[in-house]
Amino acid sequence: MSEYQYYRFECLDGHLDSKALQALNVISSRANITARSFQVHYNYSDLKAEPNELMLKYFDIGFYYADWGSIYVYIKLPAGTIRDAMFEFSSDELYLHQTDEWQLLVFSIEEYYEYFDDESAEDFFQHLAGLRSELIQGDWRLLYFMWLKEFDSNSELEAIPLIQFDFQNINEGLLAFAALYTIPFTLVKALSMMLKAKPSHQAKQSQFQLDTWLNNLTEADKNALISAIFEQGQLTRHQALAMTRKESANNDESYQYWLTPDVIAPYIEQAKNQLQQEQAEAFAKKLAIEKAEKEKAQTEIYRQREHYWQQVQEQANRTCASGYDEASRYLHQLFEAHQFKADEAAFEQRFKRFVVANNSRKALLNRLSDLL
């Protein structure tokens, strides 16, 4: 049994200096290391470092999976980005490591039973930068996803602040996360319905404005930033923001409204019914679109039926398996097009002539047994 393990880490703000690159090469001489990333896989071996420590020291996002089912997602944020009250609930799949400078969020799956490979990891990794950016800007829906998943199996879950986030319009990154971590969408729907009915706190989401930030810097702030750049050789945007933060990093607001199991419970059955109805409507719409597209294609085939009959005979004349396969495909398309236009008699007449002309080609006729 193989023991395949995949690691990928990336820094989004700034780059790795020569000292960091040297240290990483000592950790793994076989890794693909650049000024911004570290990627390696192992068979019957392991990384000679703790991923949490690598993340806190060098990187902003990270991903790990092993072929026995373990998956870990790492997102590092400046200290104080997310209020402490958001981490009051217990979850085996969400771990917070805090330092004076950083909040490291670790989302874990110990037993993932679906097929997963490097391509799956690469596809998911493309969403991590966006998810991190959203968290920094005040969009904390990832944490509500984890709360809802824990609540799905634990009705005694601790409360978290109830903040007015949009759970109706879920972007591609959040959808990818929800799919990987099997977030129950019935509960997401219930939360969205509850937020419409219950009072909650307004979300404080903001885009970083460079000019505004620069104008608000004091001389002391500027001197501190310049000193840090000279000492460290570089300074990321989020490090600079953390250094110049005016308020205490973990100065939690006084929350009046809270998300609890009792508050969301009355909306679950209604959400389930509504979600089923929406899914049924979406499926019906999909079928209608597929039907319209098929009818359009059949109409076009019928319009060009003489051309298709010529193609049938040309493919049959190739006297090879692939030619017979193509002739069969064209004939079945012609049959469906004539059937759609209620002109089966014309097809049958033409088809009989074709069978007589190709009577010696048994391999071809065998492919047409359902039409004979």
Protein backbone atom coordinates (compact mmCIF):
# COMPACT_ATOMS: atom_id res chain seq x y z
CA MET A 1 0.00 0.00 0.00
CA SER A 2 1.44 3.37 -1.01
CA GLU A 3 1.62 6.28 1.39
CA TYR A 4 1.48 9.26 -0.93
CA GLN A 5 1.60 12.72 0.67
CA TYR A 6 1.30 16.08 -1.06
CA TYR A 7 2.34 19.46 0.36
CA ARG A 8 1.96 22.88 -1.21
CA PHE A 9 2.56 26.25 0.47
CA GLU A 10 2.58 29.74 -0.98
CA CYS A 11 3.24 33.28 0.21
CA LEU A 12 0.93 35.88 -1.26
CA ASP A 13 2.41 39.01 0.30
CA GLY A 14 6.09 39.55 -0.35
CA HIS A 15 8.54 36.78 -1.15
CA LEU A 16 10.97 34.38 0.49
CA ASP A 17 14.41 35.86 1.09
CA SER A 18 17.68 33.96 0.60
CA LYS A 19 17.79 32.91 4.25
CA ALA A 20 14.29 31.44 4.05
CA LEU A 21 15.08 29.65 0.78
CA GLN A 22 18.18 28.12 2.32
CA ALA A 23 16.22 26.92 5.36
CA LEU A 24 13.53 25.38 3.16
CA ASN A 25 16.11 23.58 1.04
CA VAL A 26 17.50 22.03 4.22
CA ILE A 27 13.99 20.82 5.12
CA SER A 28 13.49 19.21 1.72
CA SER A 29 16.13 19.00 -1.00
CA ARG A 30 13.64 17.42 -3.41
CA ALA A 31 10.94 20.09 -3.13
CA ASN A 32 10.14 22.53 -5.90
CA ILE A 33 10.98 25.82 -4.19
CA THR A 34 10.60 29.33 -5.62
CA ALA A 35 10.68 32.81 -4.13
CA ARG A 36 6.96 32.44 -3.37
CA SER A 37 6.15 28.76 -3.11
CA PHE A 38 7.11 25.33 -1.79
CA GLN A 39 5.72 22.12 -3.27
CA VAL A 40 6.70 18.50 -2.69
CA HIS A 41 5.23 15.00 -2.55
CA TYR A 42 6.46 11.89 -0.76
CA ASN A 43 6.09 8.13 -1.06
CA TYR A 44 7.00 6.19 2.10
CA SER A 45 8.54 9.34 3.59
CA ASP A 46 7.49 12.61 5.19
CA LEU A 47 8.24 16.32 5.45
CA LYS A 48 10.98 17.11 7.95
CA ALA A 49 9.07 20.03 9.46
CA GLU A 50 5.73 20.84 11.03
CA PRO A 51 3.35 22.44 8.49
CA ASN A 52 1.98 24.82 11.14
CA GLU A 53 5.48 26.15 11.83
CA LEU A 54 6.23 26.53 8.13
CA MET A 55 3.01 28.45 7.66
CA LEU A 56 3.61 30.80 10.58
CA LYS A 57 7.17 31.50 9.52
CA TYR A 58 7.03 31.65 5.73
CA PHE A 59 3.66 31.22 4.01
CA ASP A 60 0.10 32.59 3.73
CA ILE A 61 -1.82 29.62 2.31
CA GLY A 62 -1.17 25.89 2.29
CA PHE A 63 -2.66 22.54 1.37
CA TYR A 64 -1.88 18.96 2.34
CA TYR A 65 -3.44 15.65 1.44
CA ALA A 66 -2.51 12.01 1.90
CA ASP A 67 -3.90 9.03 0.04
CA TRP A 68 -5.25 7.51 3.26
CA GLY A 69 -7.83 10.34 3.43
CA SER A 70 -6.27 13.19 5.40
CA ILE A 71 -6.71 16.72 4.03
CA TYR A 72 -5.55 19.97 5.65
CA VAL A 73 -6.15 23.53 4.44
CA TYR A 74 -4.04 26.34 5.92
CA ILE A 75 -4.92 30.05 5.83
CA LYS A 76 -2.76 32.58 7.71
CA LEU A 77 -4.17 35.98 8.63
CA PRO A 78 -2.79 39.01 10.46
CA ALA A 79 -3.48 38.91 14.20
CA GLY A 80 -6.91 40.25 15.09
CA THR A 81 -8.35 39.78 11.61
CA ILE A 82 -11.17 37.62 12.99
CA ARG A 83 -12.66 38.35 16.40
CA ASP A 84 -12.09 35.80 19.14
CA ALA A 85 -15.85 35.32 19.58
CA MET A 86 -15.97 33.59 16.20
CA PHE A 87 -13.84 30.74 17.56
CA GLU A 88 -15.80 30.00 20.72
CA PHE A 89 -17.36 26.82 19.32
CA SER A 90 -15.61 23.44 19.39
CA SER A 91 -14.86 21.66 16.12
CA ASP A 92 -12.61 18.74 15.29
CA GLU A 93 -12.16 20.16 11.79
CA LEU A 94 -11.18 23.74 12.62
CA TYR A 95 -8.11 24.66 14.62
CA LEU A 96 -6.85 28.18 15.42
CA HIS A 97 -3.20 28.82 16.20
CA GLN A 98 -2.65 32.40 17.40
CA THR A 99 0.56 34.35 17.89
CA ASP A 100 1.19 38.04 18.52
CA GLU A 101 1.50 38.51 14.77
CA TRP A 102 -0.74 35.90 13.14
CA GLN A 103 -3.95 33.88 13.20
CA LEU A 104 -3.42 30.51 11.51
CA LEU A 105 -6.63 28.73 10.55
CA VAL A 106 -6.28 24.99 9.93
CA PHE A 107 -9.27 23.20 8.35
CA SER A 108 -8.86 19.43 8.60
CA ILE A 109 -10.46 16.29 7.25
CA GLU A 110 -9.20 13.04 8.73
CA GLU A 111 -11.11 10.60 6.53
CA TYR A 112 -11.98 11.79 3.02
CA TYR A 113 -13.52 8.91 1.11
CA GLU A 114 -13.92 10.45 -2.35
CA TYR A 115 -11.31 10.11 -5.08
CA PHE A 116 -8.63 12.80 -4.73
CA ASP A 117 -5.38 13.38 -6.60
CA ASP A 118 -2.83 16.10 -7.40
CA GLU A 119 -5.10 17.63 -10.02
CA SER A 120 -7.89 17.89 -7.45
CA ALA A 121 -5.46 19.54 -5.05
CA GLU A 122 -4.28 22.02 -7.69
CA ASP A 123 -7.86 22.89 -8.61
CA PHE A 124 -8.81 23.56 -4.99
CA PHE A 125 -5.59 25.45 -4.26
CA GLN A 126 -6.54 28.07 -6.86
CA HIS A 127 -9.38 29.20 -4.57
CA LEU A 128 -7.30 29.68 -1.41
CA ALA A 129 -5.95 33.15 -2.21
CA GLY A 130 -9.49 34.42 -2.78
CA LEU A 131 -10.80 32.78 0.40
CA ARG A 132 -7.99 34.36 2.41
CA SER A 133 -8.62 37.77 0.88
CA GLU A 134 -12.32 37.54 1.76
CA LEU A 135 -11.53 36.67 5.37
CA ILE A 136 -9.16 39.63 5.65
CA GLN A 137 -11.81 41.94 4.20
CA GLY A 138 -14.32 40.83 6.82
CA ASP A 139 -16.19 38.04 5.02
CA TRP A 140 -16.24 35.26 7.62
CA ARG A 141 -18.66 32.86 5.93
CA LEU A 142 -16.07 30.05 6.05
CA LEU A 143 -16.38 29.99 9.84
CA TYR A 144 -20.17 29.81 9.63
CA PHE A 145 -19.78 26.87 7.25
CA MET A 146 -17.72 25.07 9.88
CA TRP A 147 -20.21 25.97 12.62
CA LEU A 148 -23.08 24.58 10.53
CA LYS A 149 -21.21 21.38 9.79
CA GLU A 150 -20.49 20.85 13.49
CA PHE A 151 -24.09 21.68 14.37
CA ASP A 152 -25.23 18.98 11.92
CA SER A 153 -23.95 16.38 14.39
CA ASN A 154 -23.90 18.34 17.66
CA SER A 155 -27.07 20.07 18.85
CA GLU A 156 -25.28 21.37 21.96
CA LEU A 157 -22.88 23.56 19.99
CA GLU A 158 -21.62 26.82 21.47
CA ALA A 159 -22.91 30.11 20.05
CA ILE A 160 -21.11 32.50 17.70
CA PRO A 161 -22.03 36.08 16.81
CA LEU A 162 -24.90 36.43 14.36
CA ILE A 163 -23.66 38.67 11.56
CA GLN A 164 -25.56 39.60 8.40
CA PHE A 165 -23.54 37.82 5.71
CA ASP A 166 -24.97 36.86 2.32
CA PHE A 167 -25.58 33.10 2.23
CA GLN A 168 -27.76 33.22 -0.87
CA ASN A 169 -25.02 34.19 -3.30
CA ILE A 170 -22.16 31.77 -2.74
CA ASN A 171 -19.10 32.39 -4.93
CA GLU A 172 -17.00 29.74 -6.65
CA GLY A 173 -14.34 29.58 -3.93
CA LEU A 174 -16.88 29.08 -1.14
CA LEU A 175 -18.69 26.46 -3.23
CA ALA A 176 -15.42 24.57 -3.73
CA PHE A 177 -14.77 24.70 0.03
CA ALA A 178 -18.34 23.60 0.81
CA ALA A 179 -18.00 20.66 -1.58
CA LEU A 180 -14.67 19.52 -0.13
CA TYR A 181 -15.84 19.82 3.49
CA THR A 182 -19.39 18.53 2.76
CA ILE A 183 -21.10 21.55 4.26
CA PRO A 184 -24.84 20.78 4.67
CA PHE A 185 -26.61 23.18 2.30
CA THR A 186 -29.93 22.66 4.03
CA LEU A 187 -28.42 24.36 7.08
CA VAL A 188 -26.87 27.09 4.91
CA LYS A 189 -30.35 27.74 3.52
CA ALA A 190 -31.80 27.71 7.05
CA LEU A 191 -29.21 30.26 8.18
CA SER A 192 -30.01 32.50 5.23
CA MET A 193 -33.73 32.33 6.03
CA MET A 194 -33.09 33.00 9.69
CA LEU A 195 -30.98 36.09 8.93
CA LYS A 196 -33.94 37.55 7.02
CA ALA A 197 -36.24 37.04 9.99
CA LYS A 198 -34.01 37.74 12.98
CA PRO A 199 -32.05 40.85 14.03
CA SER A 200 -28.31 40.55 13.48
CA HIS A 201 -25.13 42.61 13.35
CA GLN A 202 -24.12 44.28 10.10
CA ALA A 203 -21.06 42.82 8.41
CA LYS A 204 -18.06 45.13 8.42
CA GLN A 205 -16.52 44.27 5.10
CA SER A 206 -14.14 46.75 3.52
CA GLN A 207 -11.76 47.03 0.61
CA PHE A 208 -8.24 48.22 1.31
CA GLN A 209 -7.71 51.80 0.07
CA LEU A 210 -4.00 52.59 -0.23
CA ASP A 211 -4.34 56.39 -0.45
CA THR A 212 -6.59 56.56 2.60
CA TRP A 213 -4.26 54.35 4.61
CA LEU A 214 -1.17 56.37 3.66
CA ASN A 215 -2.85 59.68 4.53
CA ASN A 216 -3.77 58.37 7.98
CA LEU A 217 -0.23 57.24 8.86
CA THR A 218 1.52 59.22 11.59
CA GLU A 219 5.21 60.03 11.50
CA ALA A 220 5.72 57.36 14.16
CA ASP A 221 3.95 54.81 11.93
CA LYS A 222 6.11 55.70 8.94
CA ASN A 223 9.32 55.49 10.98
CA ALA A 224 8.30 52.11 12.37
CA LEU A 225 7.56 50.78 8.87
CA ILE A 226 10.86 52.03 7.48
CA SER A 227 12.78 50.49 10.40
CA ALA A 228 11.01 47.16 9.90
CA ILE A 229 11.86 47.14 6.19
CA PHE A 230 15.53 47.76 6.90
CA GLU A 231 15.61 45.10 9.61
CA GLN A 232 13.66 42.40 7.74
CA GLY A 233 14.52 43.24 4.15
CA GLN A 234 10.84 43.19 3.20
CA LEU A 235 7.41 43.93 4.62
CA THR A 236 4.13 42.51 3.38
CA ARG A 237 1.00 44.60 3.06
CA HIS A 238 -0.76 42.75 5.85
CA GLN A 239 2.25 43.03 8.14
CA ALA A 240 2.23 46.78 7.54
CA LEU A 241 -1.49 46.96 8.28
CA ALA A 242 -1.06 44.98 11.48
CA MET A 243 1.79 47.26 12.62
CA THR A 244 -0.27 50.41 12.05
CA ARG A 245 -3.56 49.10 13.41
CA LYS A 246 -5.07 51.78 15.62
CA GLU A 247 -7.31 49.56 17.69
CA SER A 248 -6.30 46.58 19.78
CA ALA A 249 -6.04 43.52 17.58
CA ASN A 250 -8.38 41.36 19.66
CA ASN A 251 -10.62 44.04 21.07
CA ASP A 252 -13.85 42.13 20.57
CA GLU A 253 -17.06 43.98 19.97
CA SER A 254 -19.94 43.57 22.33
CA TYR A 255 -22.25 41.25 20.44
CA GLN A 256 -25.97 41.36 21.15
CA TYR A 257 -27.15 38.76 18.61
CA TRP A 258 -25.89 35.18 18.58
CA LEU A 259 -26.25 32.12 16.38
CA THR A 260 -27.32 29.17 18.53
CA PRO A 261 -28.79 25.75 17.76
CA ASP A 262 -32.13 26.83 19.26
CA VAL A 263 -32.32 29.94 17.06
CA ILE A 264 -31.69 28.16 13.75
CA ALA A 265 -33.59 24.93 14.50
CA PRO A 266 -37.11 26.24 13.61
CA TYR A 267 -35.95 27.10 10.08
CA ILE A 268 -34.40 23.75 9.14
CA GLU A 269 -37.51 21.90 7.93
CA GLN A 270 -38.69 24.91 5.95
CA ALA A 271 -35.21 25.25 4.44
CA LYS A 272 -35.19 21.56 3.52
CA ASN A 273 -38.52 21.86 1.71
CA GLN A 274 -37.50 25.04 -0.07
CA LEU A 275 -34.15 23.57 -1.12
CA GLN A 276 -35.87 20.47 -2.51
CA GLN A 277 -38.28 22.68 -4.44
CA GLU A 278 -35.43 24.79 -5.83
CA GLN A 279 -33.52 21.67 -6.83
CA ALA A 280 -36.59 20.24 -8.54
CA GLU A 281 -37.14 23.51 -10.41
CA ALA A 282 -33.48 23.66 -11.41
CA PHE A 283 -33.62 20.08 -12.64
CA ALA A 284 -36.79 20.76 -14.63
CA LYS A 285 -35.17 23.84 -16.13
CA LYS A 286 -32.09 21.83 -17.04
CA LEU A 287 -34.23 19.17 -18.73
CA ALA A 288 -36.15 21.84 -20.64
CA ILE A 289 -32.91 23.41 -21.88
CA GLU A 290 -31.52 20.03 -22.89
CA LYS A 291 -34.77 19.18 -24.69
CA ALA A 292 -34.77 22.48 -26.57
CA GLU A 293 -31.14 22.01 -27.58
CA LYS A 294 -31.80 18.44 -28.76
CA GLU A 295 -34.86 19.51 -30.75
CA LYS A 296 -32.85 22.29 -32.37
CA ALA A 297 -30.14 19.79 -33.33
CA GLN A 298 -32.72 17.32 -34.67
CA THR A 299 -34.33 20.05 -36.75
CA GLU A 300 -30.96 20.92 -38.26
CA ILE A 301 -30.20 17.25 -39.02
CA TYR A 302 -33.58 16.85 -40.70
CA ARG A 303 -32.95 19.98 -42.75
CA GLN A 304 -29.63 18.54 -43.92
CA ARG A 305 -30.88 14.95 -44.16
CA GLU A 306 -29.56 14.42 -47.72
CA HIS A 307 -26.08 15.39 -46.57
CA TYR A 308 -26.35 12.99 -43.62
CA TRP A 309 -27.46 10.11 -45.87
CA GLN A 310 -24.42 10.76 -48.05
CA GLN A 311 -22.20 10.67 -44.96
CA VAL A 312 -23.76 7.36 -43.91
CA GLN A 313 -22.85 5.70 -47.22
CA GLU A 314 -19.38 7.27 -47.34
CA GLN A 315 -18.60 5.91 -43.86
CA ALA A 316 -20.01 2.48 -44.74
CA ASN A 317 -17.81 2.38 -47.83
CA ARG A 318 -14.73 2.64 -45.64
CA THR A 319 -15.42 -0.99 -44.63
CA CYS A 320 -13.72 -0.69 -41.27
CA ALA A 321 -14.91 -0.68 -37.65
CA SER A 322 -14.57 3.08 -37.18
CA GLY A 323 -16.42 3.72 -40.45
CA TYR A 324 -19.24 1.42 -39.41
CA ASP A 325 -19.42 3.13 -36.04
CA GLU A 326 -19.74 6.52 -37.72
CA ALA A 327 -22.36 5.24 -40.19
CA SER A 328 -24.36 3.83 -37.28
CA ARG A 329 -24.13 7.12 -35.39
CA TYR A 330 -25.37 9.11 -38.38
CA LEU A 331 -28.23 6.67 -38.98
CA HIS A 332 -29.43 6.86 -35.40
CA GLN A 333 -29.34 10.64 -35.58
CA LEU A 334 -31.36 10.54 -38.80
CA PHE A 335 -33.87 8.16 -37.22
CA GLU A 336 -34.40 10.49 -34.23
CA ALA A 337 -34.68 13.55 -36.50
CA HIS A 338 -37.32 11.90 -38.73
CA GLN A 339 -39.15 10.67 -35.65
CA PHE A 340 -39.15 14.19 -34.19
CA LYS A 341 -40.57 15.56 -37.45
CA ALA A 342 -43.17 12.74 -37.61
CA ASP A 343 -41.67 11.52 -40.89
CA GLU A 344 -40.78 7.93 -39.93
CA ALA A 345 -42.11 6.54 -43.23
CA ALA A 346 -39.53 8.49 -45.24
CA PHE A 347 -36.74 7.19 -42.99
CA GLU A 348 -37.95 3.58 -43.24
CA GLN A 349 -38.07 3.73 -47.05
CA ARG A 350 -34.58 5.19 -47.35
CA PHE A 351 -33.21 2.88 -44.66
CA LYS A 352 -34.49 -0.25 -46.42
CA ARG A 353 -32.68 0.79 -49.60
CA PHE A 354 -29.51 1.33 -47.57
CA VAL A 355 -29.76 -2.13 -45.98
CA VAL A 356 -30.22 -3.81 -49.37
CA ALA A 357 -27.23 -1.91 -50.80
CA ASN A 358 -25.05 -2.95 -47.84
CA ASN A 359 -26.41 -6.43 -47.21
CA SER A 360 -22.98 -8.05 -47.41
CA ARG A 361 -21.60 -5.87 -44.59
CA LYS A 362 -22.69 -7.97 -41.63
CA ALA A 363 -20.58 -6.08 -39.10
CA LEU A 364 -22.34 -2.86 -40.10
CA LEU A 365 -25.81 -4.41 -39.98
CA ASN A 366 -25.09 -5.83 -36.53
CA ARG A 367 -24.60 -2.26 -35.33
CA LEU A 368 -28.04 -1.38 -36.72
CA SER A 369 -29.99 -4.26 -35.19
CA ASP A 370 -32.22 -1.91 -33.18
CA LEU A 371 -33.26 -0.12 -36.39
CA LEU A 372 -33.92 -3.21 -38.50
